[in-house]
Amino acid sequence: MGFLLEKCTLFPLNNEILSQCQSFSCGDSDLDDFFLNNVENFDFQLLGKSFCYRLDHNPSVIVCAFTLANSSIDGRNLPNNRKKKLVENIPYEKRLSSYPAMLIGRLGVNRDYGNRGIGSELIRFIRTVALAGDNWSACRYLTVDAYNNENTRKYYEANGFLYLFSSEKQEKEYISMPEDKELKTRLMYFDLIQLSR
């Protein structure tokens, strides 16, 4: 099974839950600030739904938190080699200009529970949610704007995510970012068809 399934329970993350819990920290100040101060406003603005897993034996501990939202991948302006990679498993007659996706907007594991495989278990859970038969809309891809640092990129790579663009230069061109500016995130995706077959 896994730590989350065996020892934790899933809850929506909101101010009521936060008031019942110890302060959550995944060790990244931007993520910590979002989870502690912005989840309700994000939900109110219909920009994403946040959730957390709490320990069963001590529900005041949030083990991990994440935010999901609807998204899409627009293939119209992708370089040809990236577009081919994106749609290689989609029959030609089913190809679209844009493909439905679920965005992992934020994801953090409590720093006291790091290096236990919880992050990978959480990705497996999110994949299950995206493929659930009772969803009212289809979802072909999981997407993430991964922080552009080695640890975060390696985490998503290890969980099967691919870069939407082969280089930072290509990605900067796509989003019209000057070449001398720092790219703070990398667009990555996971094709869920691999799991549904």
Protein backbone atom coordinates (compact mmCIF):
# COMPACT_ATOMS: atom_id res chain seq x y z
CA MET A 1 0.00 0.00 0.00
CA GLY A 2 1.72 3.17 1.18
CA PHE A 3 2.14 5.59 4.04
CA LEU A 4 -0.70 7.89 2.96
CA LEU A 5 -3.22 5.10 2.44
CA GLU A 6 -2.29 3.21 5.60
CA LYS A 7 -1.65 6.02 8.09
CA CYS A 8 -3.43 9.15 6.82
CA THR A 9 -6.81 10.52 5.80
CA LEU A 10 -7.52 12.96 2.97
CA PHE A 11 -9.21 16.29 3.80
CA PRO A 12 -10.02 19.47 1.89
CA LEU A 13 -7.46 22.09 2.90
CA ASN A 14 -9.14 25.21 4.25
CA ASN A 15 -8.85 27.64 7.15
CA GLU A 16 -10.91 25.40 9.44
CA ILE A 17 -8.53 22.47 8.91
CA LEU A 18 -5.50 24.75 9.24
CA SER A 19 -6.81 26.02 12.59
CA GLN A 20 -6.91 22.42 13.87
CA CYS A 21 -3.37 21.62 12.75
CA GLN A 22 0.22 22.41 13.53
CA SER A 23 1.83 24.87 11.15
CA PHE A 24 2.66 23.10 7.87
CA SER A 25 6.08 23.50 6.28
CA CYS A 26 7.52 21.69 3.31
CA GLY A 27 10.71 23.76 3.49
CA ASP A 28 9.84 26.07 0.58
CA SER A 29 8.70 29.51 1.74
CA ASP A 30 6.57 30.16 -1.38
CA LEU A 31 4.68 26.86 -1.03
CA ASP A 32 4.37 27.24 2.74
CA ASP A 33 2.89 30.73 2.33
CA PHE A 34 0.40 29.48 -0.24
CA PHE A 35 -0.82 26.54 1.85
CA LEU A 36 -1.02 28.57 5.07
CA ASN A 37 -2.49 31.80 3.71
CA ASN A 38 -3.99 31.50 0.24
CA VAL A 39 -5.90 28.24 -0.27
CA GLU A 40 -9.36 29.60 0.60
CA ASN A 41 -9.00 32.64 -1.65
CA PHE A 42 -7.70 30.41 -4.46
CA ASP A 43 -10.76 28.16 -4.00
CA PHE A 44 -13.12 31.16 -3.74
CA GLN A 45 -11.77 32.52 -7.03
CA LEU A 46 -12.36 29.05 -8.60
CA LEU A 47 -8.66 28.75 -9.47
CA GLY A 48 -7.90 25.48 -7.70
CA LYS A 49 -8.97 23.07 -4.98
CA SER A 50 -6.52 22.24 -2.22
CA PHE A 51 -6.32 19.06 -0.17
CA CYS A 52 -4.16 17.58 2.54
CA TYR A 53 -3.40 14.25 4.13
CA ARG A 54 -3.44 14.28 7.94
CA LEU A 55 -2.00 11.62 10.23
CA ASP A 56 -4.68 9.30 11.61
CA HIS A 57 -3.01 8.92 15.02
CA ASN A 58 -2.36 12.69 15.27
CA PRO A 59 -4.69 14.69 12.99
CA SER A 60 -2.96 17.93 13.93
CA VAL A 61 -0.13 16.92 11.59
CA ILE A 62 -0.49 17.65 7.87
CA VAL A 63 1.77 15.19 6.08
CA CYS A 64 1.37 16.69 2.61
CA ALA A 65 -0.77 19.18 0.72
CA PHE A 66 -1.62 19.74 -2.93
CA THR A 67 -3.78 21.86 -5.22
CA LEU A 68 -5.51 20.71 -8.42
CA ALA A 69 -7.14 22.71 -11.22
CA ASN A 70 -8.45 22.17 -14.72
CA SER A 71 -5.99 23.00 -17.44
CA SER A 72 -5.10 22.21 -21.03
CA ILE A 73 -2.11 21.90 -23.29
CA ASP A 74 -2.40 24.07 -26.38
CA GLY A 75 -0.58 22.32 -29.19
CA ARG A 76 -1.06 25.01 -31.84
CA ASN A 77 2.09 27.00 -31.10
CA LEU A 78 4.38 24.21 -29.97
CA PRO A 79 7.48 23.53 -32.05
CA ASN A 80 6.82 20.63 -34.43
CA ASN A 81 9.13 18.17 -32.65
CA ARG A 82 7.42 18.86 -29.29
CA LYS A 83 3.94 18.65 -30.80
CA LYS A 84 4.82 15.27 -32.33
CA LYS A 85 6.07 14.03 -28.95
CA LEU A 86 2.92 15.28 -27.20
CA VAL A 87 0.47 13.58 -29.57
CA GLU A 88 2.44 10.46 -30.56
CA ASN A 89 -0.09 8.20 -28.78
CA ILE A 90 -3.19 9.96 -30.11
CA PRO A 91 -4.70 8.60 -33.34
CA TYR A 92 -4.50 11.19 -36.11
CA GLU A 93 -8.29 11.49 -36.50
CA LYS A 94 -8.59 12.31 -32.77
CA ARG A 95 -5.98 15.09 -32.67
CA LEU A 96 -7.12 18.48 -31.43
CA SER A 97 -5.66 21.95 -31.14
CA SER A 98 -5.87 21.76 -27.33
CA TYR A 99 -5.89 18.77 -24.96
CA PRO A 100 -7.63 18.48 -21.57
CA ALA A 101 -5.37 18.32 -18.55
CA MET A 102 -5.34 18.48 -14.78
CA LEU A 103 -2.85 20.94 -13.32
CA ILE A 104 -0.95 20.16 -10.16
CA GLY A 105 -0.86 23.77 -9.03
CA ARG A 106 1.00 23.23 -5.77
CA LEU A 107 2.42 20.15 -4.06
CA GLY A 108 4.39 19.92 -0.84
CA VAL A 109 5.40 17.23 1.65
CA ASN A 110 5.91 18.11 5.30
CA ARG A 111 9.66 18.40 5.78
CA ASP A 112 9.43 16.08 8.80
CA TYR A 113 8.15 13.33 6.46
CA GLY A 114 10.60 13.76 3.58
CA ASN A 115 12.49 10.92 1.91
CA ARG A 116 9.78 8.33 2.60
CA GLY A 117 8.31 8.13 -0.90
CA ILE A 118 5.28 10.19 0.12
CA GLY A 119 5.64 12.58 -2.82
CA SER A 120 5.63 9.73 -5.33
CA GLU A 121 2.69 8.10 -3.56
CA LEU A 122 0.86 11.41 -3.80
CA ILE A 123 1.52 11.59 -7.57
CA ARG A 124 0.10 8.06 -7.93
CA PHE A 125 -3.01 9.16 -6.01
CA ILE A 126 -3.45 12.25 -8.22
CA ARG A 127 -3.19 10.05 -11.31
CA THR A 128 -5.94 7.85 -9.88
CA VAL A 129 -8.13 10.90 -9.26
CA ALA A 130 -7.56 12.12 -12.83
CA LEU A 131 -8.59 8.74 -14.25
CA ALA A 132 -11.54 8.12 -11.92
CA GLY A 133 -14.56 6.80 -13.77
CA ASP A 134 -16.96 9.16 -12.00
CA ASN A 135 -15.25 12.33 -13.32
CA TRP A 136 -17.61 14.49 -15.34
CA SER A 137 -14.93 15.58 -17.77
CA ALA A 138 -12.05 13.90 -19.54
CA CYS A 139 -8.43 14.46 -18.66
CA ARG A 140 -5.62 13.29 -20.95
CA TYR A 141 -2.60 14.85 -19.24
CA LEU A 142 -1.31 15.87 -15.85
CA THR A 143 0.61 19.15 -16.06
CA VAL A 144 2.81 21.05 -13.66
CA ASP A 145 4.80 24.26 -13.69
CA ALA A 146 7.67 22.67 -11.78
CA TYR A 147 10.02 24.92 -9.87
CA ASN A 148 13.14 25.20 -12.00
CA ASN A 149 15.57 23.67 -9.54
CA GLU A 150 17.35 20.34 -9.74
CA ASN A 151 15.50 18.59 -6.88
CA THR A 152 12.03 19.51 -8.13
CA ARG A 153 12.80 18.66 -11.75
CA LYS A 154 14.29 15.28 -10.74
CA TYR A 155 11.24 14.51 -8.60
CA TYR A 156 8.85 14.99 -11.52
CA GLU A 157 11.18 13.23 -13.96
CA ALA A 158 11.34 10.23 -11.59
CA ASN A 159 7.54 10.18 -11.59
CA GLY A 160 7.35 9.98 -15.39
CA PHE A 161 6.83 13.65 -16.29
CA LEU A 162 8.35 15.00 -19.50
CA TYR A 163 9.29 18.55 -20.40
CA LEU A 164 6.85 20.23 -22.74
CA PHE A 165 9.83 22.06 -24.25
CA SER A 166 13.22 20.49 -24.90
CA SER A 167 15.14 23.53 -23.64
CA GLU A 168 14.72 26.58 -21.44
CA LYS A 169 15.41 28.74 -24.49
CA GLN A 170 12.51 27.12 -26.38
CA GLU A 171 10.21 27.57 -23.40
CA LYS A 172 11.18 31.24 -23.01
CA GLU A 173 10.40 31.83 -26.69
CA TYR A 174 6.99 30.18 -26.26
CA ILE A 175 6.03 32.42 -23.33
CA SER A 176 7.71 35.51 -24.85
CA MET A 177 10.23 35.83 -22.03
CA PRO A 178 13.46 37.72 -22.68
CA GLU A 179 16.40 35.35 -22.99
CA ASP A 180 18.33 37.06 -20.18
CA LYS A 181 15.51 36.56 -17.63
CA GLU A 182 15.54 33.60 -15.25
CA LEU A 183 12.98 30.88 -15.97
CA LYS A 184 11.52 30.12 -12.53
CA THR A 185 9.42 27.11 -13.59
CA ARG A 186 9.47 24.43 -16.29
CA LEU A 187 6.32 23.17 -17.97
CA MET A 188 6.08 19.39 -17.60
CA TYR A 189 3.40 16.82 -18.43
CA PHE A 190 2.46 13.19 -17.91
CA ASP A 191 0.32 11.33 -20.50
CA LEU A 192 -2.38 9.48 -18.53
CA ILE A 193 -3.15 7.17 -21.46
CA GLN A 194 -0.16 5.11 -20.30
CA LEU A 195 -2.17 4.10 -17.23
CA SER A 196 -5.65 3.77 -18.71
CA ARG A 197 -4.73 1.10 -21.25
